[in-house]
Amino acid sequence: MRLSATPVVLALCSIPFAAACGTDTGQAGAGAGAGALNVPPPMAGGSAAPPADPGTTPPAPPSSGAAVSPQDRAAEPLGKRGAWRITTYYTAVQSFHRGKAKAVRGCPKLHCSHGTTPLGSYPAGFLKVIQMEGSGRITSGPHAGRYLNWSHSVGWWLDDTTRDSGAAPLRAWGSAAADRSVLARGRRFVITGCGRDGNGRPVPAKVCDTFRKARWTVTDLFRPGYGGEHHADVYIGEETGPGFAGSDLYTTLRGATLASA
């Protein structure tokens, strides 16, 4: 689960990141997000120019298996082999969610906290996921194409993208958060072994291969004591359809092995 990342102060306010991730059952939610610990979840803030849609970057196409390459075998592992827990987080998409429309008030732009400006009305299911994962792409109404973001410390706000705690856009299959005691900000790593999923089952070969092909960079740091030693949280982009939280990609990898990229 993505817990609390180190907040970043941007201009007039501090905007910590908010996100949740795959649970131990490989499914969404059930109190697994940052809110379950009653600590501010890490969401983002910044004024960088909006990038191309970060959530539409597809994962690397999986190959037919997850055999470890000679390159991976030669890589020096980070920490102990099979000692890592890898969780995932994503960006919600409005069109994939239903529920009664609920009005939202907050900040219409960055550098604002706990605003009261009307930001539109959105399906209850969409809002619920944003409060777990941290952000959602709006697909209809006057703000279509923008992002509705949320955190305990800031409330709701509109943005032109999702961001890491350094204000840079999140990169699907590239951005990660980790505990500073084991992975410093800017550290690049790869997942060379997937271990088992949250239910103790082997990770499907195609799923593992997708994770192994990605190259991750630590752009967020958990607050000391909340991330957990040998825990990394990786961003897998936008959800690709209804029920995404039940997909194989929204998962927990237990007993994973990491190496420097």
C-alpha atoms as a PDB file:
ATOM      1  CA  MET A   1       0.000   0.000   0.000  1.00  0.00           C
ATOM      2  CA  ARG A   2       1.249   3.449  -0.684  1.00  0.00           C
ATOM      3  CA  LEU A   3       1.615   5.194   2.626  1.00  0.00           C
ATOM      4  CA  SER A   4       2.734   8.704   3.282  1.00  0.00           C
ATOM      5  CA  ALA A   5       5.462  10.312   1.226  1.00  0.00           C
ATOM      6  CA  THR A   6       7.607  13.199   2.279  1.00  0.00           C
ATOM      7  CA  PRO A   7       5.599  16.367   1.593  1.00  0.00           C
ATOM      8  CA  VAL A   8       6.912  19.014  -0.762  1.00  0.00           C
ATOM      9  CA  VAL A   9       6.388  22.730  -0.213  1.00  0.00           C
ATOM     10  CA  LEU A  10       5.397  24.445  -3.438  1.00  0.00           C
ATOM     11  CA  ALA A  11       4.946  28.207  -3.509  1.00  0.00           C
ATOM     12  CA  LEU A  12       2.018  28.986  -1.221  1.00  0.00           C
ATOM     13  CA  CYS A  13       1.201  25.602   0.238  1.00  0.00           C
ATOM     14  CA  SER A  14       2.422  22.143   0.993  1.00  0.00           C
ATOM     15  CA  ILE A  15       0.723  19.504  -1.146  1.00  0.00           C
ATOM     16  CA  PRO A  16       1.484  15.980   0.017  1.00  0.00           C
ATOM     17  CA  PHE A  17       0.757  13.017  -2.268  1.00  0.00           C
ATOM     18  CA  ALA A  18      -2.206  10.678  -1.825  1.00  0.00           C
ATOM     19  CA  ALA A  19      -2.381   7.196  -3.157  1.00  0.00           C
ATOM     20  CA  ALA A  20      -3.196   3.651  -2.296  1.00  0.00           C
ATOM     21  CA  CYS A  21      -2.173   0.501  -4.033  1.00  0.00           C
ATOM     22  CA  GLY A  22      -2.734  -3.207  -4.541  1.00  0.00           C
ATOM     23  CA  THR A  23      -3.690  -4.963  -1.348  1.00  0.00           C
ATOM     24  CA  ASP A  24      -2.436  -8.231   0.050  1.00  0.00           C
ATOM     25  CA  THR A  25      -5.301  -9.970  -1.685  1.00  0.00           C
ATOM     26  CA  GLY A  26      -4.388  -8.502  -5.040  1.00  0.00           C
ATOM     27  CA  GLN A  27      -7.631  -6.514  -5.003  1.00  0.00           C
ATOM     28  CA  ALA A  28      -8.374  -2.885  -4.278  1.00  0.00           C
ATOM     29  CA  GLY A  29      -9.108  -1.186  -1.055  1.00  0.00           C
ATOM     30  CA  ALA A  30     -10.567  -2.566   2.154  1.00  0.00           C
ATOM     31  CA  GLY A  31      -8.852   0.054   4.266  1.00  0.00           C
ATOM     32  CA  ALA A  32      -5.458  -0.658   2.771  1.00  0.00           C
ATOM     33  CA  GLY A  33      -4.734   2.920   1.729  1.00  0.00           C
ATOM     34  CA  ALA A  34      -3.031   5.688   3.604  1.00  0.00           C
ATOM     35  CA  GLY A  35      -6.255   6.808   5.227  1.00  0.00           C
ATOM     36  CA  ALA A  36      -6.452   3.543   7.140  1.00  0.00           C
ATOM     37  CA  LEU A  37      -3.462   4.685   9.194  1.00  0.00           C
ATOM     38  CA  ASN A  38      -4.862   8.163   9.707  1.00  0.00           C
ATOM     39  CA  VAL A  39      -1.793   9.820   8.198  1.00  0.00           C
ATOM     40  CA  PRO A  40      -1.835  12.302   5.327  1.00  0.00           C
ATOM     41  CA  PRO A  41      -1.511  10.316   2.121  1.00  0.00           C
ATOM     42  CA  PRO A  42       1.024  11.578  -0.404  1.00  0.00           C
ATOM     43  CA  MET A  43      -0.513  13.376  -3.418  1.00  0.00           C
ATOM     44  CA  ALA A  44       1.229  15.946  -5.450  1.00  0.00           C
ATOM     45  CA  GLY A  45       1.443  19.540  -6.307  1.00  0.00           C
ATOM     46  CA  GLY A  46       3.468  21.619  -8.670  1.00  0.00           C
ATOM     47  CA  SER A  47       3.432  24.034 -11.513  1.00  0.00           C
ATOM     48  CA  ALA A  48       5.202  22.102 -14.200  1.00  0.00           C
ATOM     49  CA  ALA A  49       3.752  22.407 -17.686  1.00  0.00           C
ATOM     50  CA  PRO A  50       1.210  19.664 -18.423  1.00  0.00           C
ATOM     51  CA  PRO A  51       2.768  16.693 -20.188  1.00  0.00           C
ATOM     52  CA  ALA A  52       1.272  14.345 -22.701  1.00  0.00           C
ATOM     53  CA  ASP A  53      -1.355  12.220 -20.966  1.00  0.00           C
ATOM     54  CA  PRO A  54       0.765  10.207 -18.490  1.00  0.00           C
ATOM     55  CA  GLY A  55      -1.842   7.576 -17.805  1.00  0.00           C
ATOM     56  CA  THR A  56      -2.185   6.402 -21.368  1.00  0.00           C
ATOM     57  CA  THR A  57       1.332   5.003 -21.532  1.00  0.00           C
ATOM     58  CA  PRO A  58       0.723   1.272 -21.889  1.00  0.00           C
ATOM     59  CA  PRO A  59       2.825  -1.249 -20.025  1.00  0.00           C
ATOM     60  CA  ALA A  60       5.574  -2.915 -21.959  1.00  0.00           C
ATOM     61  CA  PRO A  61       4.023  -5.772 -23.915  1.00  0.00           C
ATOM     62  CA  PRO A  62       4.488  -8.973 -21.959  1.00  0.00           C
ATOM     63  CA  SER A  63       6.485 -11.776 -23.458  1.00  0.00           C
ATOM     64  CA  SER A  64       5.572 -15.423 -23.264  1.00  0.00           C
ATOM     65  CA  GLY A  65       7.384 -16.022 -20.002  1.00  0.00           C
ATOM     66  CA  ALA A  66       9.226 -14.539 -17.039  1.00  0.00           C
ATOM     67  CA  ALA A  67      12.570 -16.298 -17.244  1.00  0.00           C
ATOM     68  CA  VAL A  68      15.393 -14.314 -15.678  1.00  0.00           C
ATOM     69  CA  SER A  69      17.744 -12.928 -18.336  1.00  0.00           C
ATOM     70  CA  PRO A  70      21.539 -13.274 -18.043  1.00  0.00           C
ATOM     71  CA  GLN A  71      21.646  -9.494 -17.523  1.00  0.00           C
ATOM     72  CA  ASP A  72      19.261  -9.756 -14.556  1.00  0.00           C
ATOM     73  CA  ARG A  73      21.195 -12.652 -13.085  1.00  0.00           C
ATOM     74  CA  ALA A  74      24.388 -10.584 -13.198  1.00  0.00           C
ATOM     75  CA  ALA A  75      22.811  -7.509 -11.575  1.00  0.00           C
ATOM     76  CA  GLU A  76      23.711  -6.887  -7.963  1.00  0.00           C
ATOM     77  CA  PRO A  77      20.546  -7.257  -5.860  1.00  0.00           C
ATOM     78  CA  LEU A  78      19.381  -4.360  -3.708  1.00  0.00           C
ATOM     79  CA  GLY A  79      19.027  -5.712  -0.198  1.00  0.00           C
ATOM     80  CA  LYS A  80      18.362  -9.396   0.291  1.00  0.00           C
ATOM     81  CA  ARG A  81      17.013 -11.517  -2.521  1.00  0.00           C
ATOM     82  CA  GLY A  82      13.318 -12.217  -2.090  1.00  0.00           C
ATOM     83  CA  ALA A  83      12.964  -9.633   0.694  1.00  0.00           C
ATOM     84  CA  TRP A  84      10.945  -6.889  -1.047  1.00  0.00           C
ATOM     85  CA  ARG A  85       7.253  -6.074  -1.018  1.00  0.00           C
ATOM     86  CA  ILE A  86       6.131  -4.205  -4.128  1.00  0.00           C
ATOM     87  CA  THR A  87       2.736  -2.508  -4.202  1.00  0.00           C
ATOM     88  CA  THR A  88       1.034  -0.588  -6.983  1.00  0.00           C
ATOM     89  CA  TYR A  89      -1.044   2.555  -7.449  1.00  0.00           C
ATOM     90  CA  TYR A  90      -2.874   4.059 -10.404  1.00  0.00           C
ATOM     91  CA  THR A  91      -4.962   6.952 -11.733  1.00  0.00           C
ATOM     92  CA  ALA A  92      -8.750   6.568 -11.883  1.00  0.00           C
ATOM     93  CA  VAL A  93     -10.714   7.407 -15.063  1.00  0.00           C
ATOM     94  CA  GLN A  94     -14.165   8.950 -14.643  1.00  0.00           C
ATOM     95  CA  SER A  95     -15.877   7.057 -17.485  1.00  0.00           C
ATOM     96  CA  PHE A  96     -15.192   3.698 -15.805  1.00  0.00           C
ATOM     97  CA  HIS A  97     -17.129   4.586 -12.652  1.00  0.00           C
ATOM     98  CA  ARG A  98     -20.769   4.849 -11.704  1.00  0.00           C
ATOM     99  CA  GLY A  99     -22.776   6.098  -8.765  1.00  0.00           C
ATOM    100  CA  LYS A 100     -24.815   9.100  -7.767  1.00  0.00           C
ATOM    101  CA  ALA A 101     -23.252  12.384  -8.821  1.00  0.00           C
ATOM    102  CA  LYS A 102     -21.735  14.283  -5.891  1.00  0.00           C
ATOM    103  CA  ALA A 103     -20.681  17.919  -5.954  1.00  0.00           C
ATOM    104  CA  VAL A 104     -17.071  18.692  -5.108  1.00  0.00           C
ATOM    105  CA  ARG A 105     -15.619  21.929  -3.781  1.00  0.00           C
ATOM    106  CA  GLY A 106     -11.945  22.738  -3.580  1.00  0.00           C
ATOM    107  CA  CYS A 107      -9.164  24.562  -5.378  1.00  0.00           C
ATOM    108  CA  PRO A 108      -9.453  25.295  -9.107  1.00  0.00           C
ATOM    109  CA  LYS A 109      -5.659  25.457  -9.452  1.00  0.00           C
ATOM    110  CA  LEU A 110      -2.434  24.729  -7.607  1.00  0.00           C
ATOM    111  CA  HIS A 111      -0.993  26.692  -4.684  1.00  0.00           C
ATOM    112  CA  CYS A 112      -4.201  26.629  -2.711  1.00  0.00           C
ATOM    113  CA  SER A 113      -5.455  24.615   0.236  1.00  0.00           C
ATOM    114  CA  HIS A 114      -8.960  23.594   1.291  1.00  0.00           C
ATOM    115  CA  GLY A 115     -10.663  25.809  -1.272  1.00  0.00           C
ATOM    116  CA  THR A 116     -14.424  26.255  -1.558  1.00  0.00           C
ATOM    117  CA  THR A 117     -14.767  26.784  -5.323  1.00  0.00           C
ATOM    118  CA  PRO A 118     -17.255  24.425  -7.029  1.00  0.00           C
ATOM    119  CA  LEU A 119     -15.232  21.918  -9.083  1.00  0.00           C
ATOM    120  CA  GLY A 120     -18.145  20.018 -10.632  1.00  0.00           C
ATOM    121  CA  SER A 121     -20.134  16.882  -9.836  1.00  0.00           C
ATOM    122  CA  TYR A 122     -18.747  13.374 -10.301  1.00  0.00           C
ATOM    123  CA  PRO A 123     -19.832   9.745  -9.770  1.00  0.00           C
ATOM    124  CA  ALA A 124     -19.493   8.625  -6.170  1.00  0.00           C
ATOM    125  CA  GLY A 125     -17.441   5.610  -7.229  1.00  0.00           C
ATOM    126  CA  PHE A 126     -14.947   7.831  -9.035  1.00  0.00           C
ATOM    127  CA  LEU A 127     -14.511  10.057  -5.997  1.00  0.00           C
ATOM    128  CA  LYS A 128     -14.038   7.074  -3.707  1.00  0.00           C
ATOM    129  CA  VAL A 129     -11.166   5.736  -5.797  1.00  0.00           C
ATOM    130  CA  ILE A 130      -9.513   9.163  -6.007  1.00  0.00           C
ATOM    131  CA  GLN A 131      -9.526   9.373  -2.208  1.00  0.00           C
ATOM    132  CA  MET A 132      -7.619   6.075  -2.139  1.00  0.00           C
ATOM    133  CA  GLU A 133      -5.328   6.475  -5.156  1.00  0.00           C
ATOM    134  CA  GLY A 134      -4.861  10.248  -5.144  1.00  0.00           C
ATOM    135  CA  SER A 135      -5.975  11.331  -8.602  1.00  0.00           C
ATOM    136  CA  GLY A 136      -8.480  10.779 -11.400  1.00  0.00           C
ATOM    137  CA  ARG A 137      -8.814  11.918 -14.993  1.00  0.00           C
ATOM    138  CA  ILE A 138     -12.065  13.746 -15.771  1.00  0.00           C
ATOM    139  CA  THR A 139     -13.714  12.601 -19.007  1.00  0.00           C
ATOM    140  CA  SER A 140     -16.899  14.669 -19.210  1.00  0.00           C
ATOM    141  CA  GLY A 141     -18.198  18.103 -18.323  1.00  0.00           C
ATOM    142  CA  PRO A 142     -16.439  21.490 -18.376  1.00  0.00           C
ATOM    143  CA  HIS A 143     -13.243  20.084 -16.857  1.00  0.00           C
ATOM    144  CA  ALA A 144     -12.884  17.099 -19.204  1.00  0.00           C
ATOM    145  CA  GLY A 145      -9.238  16.288 -19.811  1.00  0.00           C
ATOM    146  CA  ARG A 146      -8.076  17.688 -16.476  1.00  0.00           C
ATOM    147  CA  TYR A 147      -7.347  15.785 -13.275  1.00  0.00           C
ATOM    148  CA  LEU A 148      -9.245  15.865 -10.002  1.00  0.00           C
ATOM    149  CA  ASN A 149      -6.783  15.291  -7.166  1.00  0.00           C
ATOM    150  CA  TRP A 150      -7.228  14.890  -3.429  1.00  0.00           C
ATOM    151  CA  SER A 151      -5.221  14.700  -0.211  1.00  0.00           C
ATOM    152  CA  HIS A 152      -5.956  15.009   3.507  1.00  0.00           C
ATOM    153  CA  SER A 153      -3.758  18.084   3.779  1.00  0.00           C
ATOM    154  CA  VAL A 154      -5.122  20.010   0.791  1.00  0.00           C
ATOM    155  CA  GLY A 155      -8.576  18.651   0.044  1.00  0.00           C
ATOM    156  CA  TRP A 156      -9.762  18.549  -3.588  1.00  0.00           C
ATOM    157  CA  TRP A 157      -8.063  20.434  -6.402  1.00  0.00           C
ATOM    158  CA  LEU A 158      -7.915  20.495 -10.186  1.00  0.00           C
ATOM    159  CA  ASP A 159      -4.649  19.929 -12.009  1.00  0.00           C
ATOM    160  CA  ASP A 160      -3.387  19.364 -15.527  1.00  0.00           C
ATOM    161  CA  THR A 161      -1.662  16.093 -14.649  1.00  0.00           C
ATOM    162  CA  THR A 162      -0.718  13.720 -11.864  1.00  0.00           C
ATOM    163  CA  ARG A 163       2.539  14.618 -10.145  1.00  0.00           C
ATOM    164  CA  ASP A 164       5.184  13.212  -7.872  1.00  0.00           C
ATOM    165  CA  SER A 165       6.237  15.063  -4.742  1.00  0.00           C
ATOM    166  CA  GLY A 166       8.892  16.950  -6.694  1.00  0.00           C
ATOM    167  CA  ALA A 167       6.153  18.432  -8.934  1.00  0.00           C
ATOM    168  CA  ALA A 168       7.167  16.378 -11.975  1.00  0.00           C
ATOM    169  CA  PRO A 169       4.475  14.390 -13.818  1.00  0.00           C
ATOM    170  CA  LEU A 170       4.150  10.794 -12.699  1.00  0.00           C
ATOM    171  CA  ARG A 171       5.470   8.364 -15.305  1.00  0.00           C
ATOM    172  CA  ALA A 172       3.463   5.211 -15.857  1.00  0.00           C
ATOM    173  CA  TRP A 173       5.682   2.167 -15.335  1.00  0.00           C
ATOM    174  CA  GLY A 174       8.498   4.453 -14.236  1.00  0.00           C
ATOM    175  CA  SER A 175       7.701   6.414 -11.038  1.00  0.00           C
ATOM    176  CA  ALA A 176       8.080   4.800  -7.630  1.00  0.00           C
ATOM    177  CA  ALA A 177       8.073   5.582  -3.918  1.00  0.00           C
ATOM    178  CA  ALA A 178      10.208   3.883  -1.278  1.00  0.00           C
ATOM    179  CA  ASP A 179      11.531   4.172   2.259  1.00  0.00           C
ATOM    180  CA  ARG A 180      14.525   6.503   2.312  1.00  0.00           C
ATOM    181  CA  SER A 181      16.443   4.085   4.527  1.00  0.00           C
ATOM    182  CA  VAL A 182      16.768   1.607   1.675  1.00  0.00           C
ATOM    183  CA  LEU A 183      16.239   3.529  -1.583  1.00  0.00           C
ATOM    184  CA  ALA A 184      17.169   7.193  -1.934  1.00  0.00           C
ATOM    185  CA  ARG A 185      15.302   9.652  -4.131  1.00  0.00           C
ATOM    186  CA  GLY A 186      16.558   9.359  -7.688  1.00  0.00           C
ATOM    187  CA  ARG A 187      17.617   5.713  -7.311  1.00  0.00           C
ATOM    188  CA  ARG A 188      16.807   3.609 -10.358  1.00  0.00           C
ATOM    189  CA  PHE A 189      15.908  -0.035  -9.999  1.00  0.00           C
ATOM    190  CA  VAL A 190      14.422  -3.027 -11.747  1.00  0.00           C
ATOM    191  CA  ILE A 191      12.356  -5.908 -10.421  1.00  0.00           C
ATOM    192  CA  THR A 192      14.270  -9.070 -11.257  1.00  0.00           C
ATOM    193  CA  GLY A 193      12.075 -11.516  -9.353  1.00  0.00           C
ATOM    194  CA  CYS A 194       8.361 -11.228  -8.556  1.00  0.00           C
ATOM    195  CA  GLY A 195       8.014 -13.676  -5.695  1.00  0.00           C
ATOM    196  CA  ARG A 196       4.351 -14.423  -5.014  1.00  0.00           C
ATOM    197  CA  ASP A 197       1.171 -12.382  -4.973  1.00  0.00           C
ATOM    198  CA  GLY A 198      -0.666 -11.258  -1.836  1.00  0.00           C
ATOM    199  CA  ASN A 199      -2.468 -14.596  -1.634  1.00  0.00           C
ATOM    200  CA  GLY A 200       0.782 -16.546  -1.730  1.00  0.00           C
ATOM    201  CA  ARG A 201       0.253 -17.736  -5.302  1.00  0.00           C
ATOM    202  CA  PRO A 202       2.895 -17.583  -8.046  1.00  0.00           C
ATOM    203  CA  VAL A 203       2.643 -14.374 -10.076  1.00  0.00           C
ATOM    204  CA  PRO A 204       1.456 -15.159 -13.632  1.00  0.00           C
ATOM    205  CA  ALA A 205       4.422 -15.200 -16.010  1.00  0.00           C
ATOM    206  CA  LYS A 206       3.057 -12.476 -18.283  1.00  0.00           C
ATOM    207  CA  VAL A 207       2.337 -10.196 -15.336  1.00  0.00           C
ATOM    208  CA  CYS A 208       5.783 -10.731 -13.838  1.00  0.00           C
ATOM    209  CA  ASP A 209       7.418 -10.125 -17.199  1.00  0.00           C
ATOM    210  CA  THR A 210       5.615  -6.785 -17.503  1.00  0.00           C
ATOM    211  CA  PHE A 211       6.929  -5.656 -14.118  1.00  0.00           C
ATOM    212  CA  ARG A 212      10.415  -6.912 -14.891  1.00  0.00           C
ATOM    213  CA  LYS A 213      10.642  -4.965 -18.151  1.00  0.00           C
ATOM    214  CA  ALA A 214       9.946  -1.639 -16.458  1.00  0.00           C
ATOM    215  CA  ARG A 215      12.708   0.654 -15.215  1.00  0.00           C
ATOM    216  CA  TRP A 216      11.665   2.473 -12.045  1.00  0.00           C
ATOM    217  CA  THR A 217      12.989   5.689 -10.478  1.00  0.00           C
ATOM    218  CA  VAL A 218      12.319   6.665  -6.865  1.00  0.00           C
ATOM    219  CA  THR A 219      10.609  10.073  -7.054  1.00  0.00           C
ATOM    220  CA  ASP A 220       8.769   9.936  -3.703  1.00  0.00           C
ATOM    221  CA  LEU A 221       9.899   8.924  -0.229  1.00  0.00           C
ATOM    222  CA  PHE A 222       7.692   7.465   2.472  1.00  0.00           C
ATOM    223  CA  ARG A 223       7.620   9.361   5.716  1.00  0.00           C
ATOM    224  CA  PRO A 224       9.982   7.667   8.175  1.00  0.00           C
ATOM    225  CA  GLY A 225       8.264   4.779   9.892  1.00  0.00           C
ATOM    226  CA  TYR A 226       5.342   4.508   7.452  1.00  0.00           C
ATOM    227  CA  GLY A 227       6.749   3.022   4.275  1.00  0.00           C
ATOM    228  CA  GLY A 228       8.264  -0.063   5.796  1.00  0.00           C
ATOM    229  CA  GLU A 229      11.725  -1.439   5.194  1.00  0.00           C
ATOM    230  CA  HIS A 230      12.152  -3.080   1.803  1.00  0.00           C
ATOM    231  CA  HIS A 231       8.860  -1.747   0.490  1.00  0.00           C
ATOM    232  CA  ALA A 232       8.481   0.067  -2.819  1.00  0.00           C
ATOM    233  CA  ASP A 233       5.286   1.409  -4.377  1.00  0.00           C
ATOM    234  CA  VAL A 234       5.181   1.646  -8.176  1.00  0.00           C
ATOM    235  CA  TYR A 235       2.909   3.707 -10.433  1.00  0.00           C
ATOM    236  CA  ILE A 236       1.238   1.743 -13.245  1.00  0.00           C
ATOM    237  CA  GLY A 237      -0.626   4.600 -14.954  1.00  0.00           C
ATOM    238  CA  GLU A 238      -4.332   4.925 -15.643  1.00  0.00           C
ATOM    239  CA  GLU A 239      -6.850   2.191 -15.112  1.00  0.00           C
ATOM    240  CA  THR A 240      -7.728   0.563 -18.429  1.00  0.00           C
ATOM    241  CA  GLY A 241     -11.353  -0.390 -17.827  1.00  0.00           C
ATOM    242  CA  PRO A 242     -14.101  -1.006 -15.264  1.00  0.00           C
ATOM    243  CA  GLY A 243     -13.024  -3.247 -12.399  1.00  0.00           C
ATOM    244  CA  PHE A 244      -9.350  -2.404 -12.877  1.00  0.00           C
ATOM    245  CA  ALA A 245      -8.749  -2.861  -9.145  1.00  0.00           C
ATOM    246  CA  GLY A 246      -9.407  -6.562  -9.673  1.00  0.00           C
ATOM    247  CA  SER A 247      -6.898  -6.932 -12.492  1.00  0.00           C
ATOM    248  CA  ASP A 248      -3.651  -8.892 -12.301  1.00  0.00           C
ATOM    249  CA  LEU A 249      -1.576  -5.704 -12.589  1.00  0.00           C
ATOM    250  CA  TYR A 250      -3.073  -4.059  -9.503  1.00  0.00           C
ATOM    251  CA  THR A 251      -1.326  -6.383  -7.123  1.00  0.00           C
ATOM    252  CA  THR A 252       1.224  -6.922  -4.379  1.00  0.00           C
ATOM    253  CA  LEU A 253       4.471  -8.742  -5.103  1.00  0.00           C
ATOM    254  CA  ARG A 254       5.714 -10.431  -1.944  1.00  0.00           C
ATOM    255  CA  GLY A 255       9.217 -11.826  -1.743  1.00  0.00           C
ATOM    256  CA  ALA A 256      10.344  -9.815  -4.769  1.00  0.00           C
ATOM    257  CA  THR A 257      13.976  -9.182  -5.709  1.00  0.00           C
ATOM    258  CA  LEU A 258      15.265  -5.786  -6.858  1.00  0.00           C
ATOM    259  CA  ALA A 259      18.487  -4.737  -8.571  1.00  0.00           C
ATOM    260  CA  SER A 260      20.064  -1.447  -9.620  1.00  0.00           C
ATOM    261  CA  ALA A 261      19.035  -0.267 -13.088  1.00  0.00           C
END
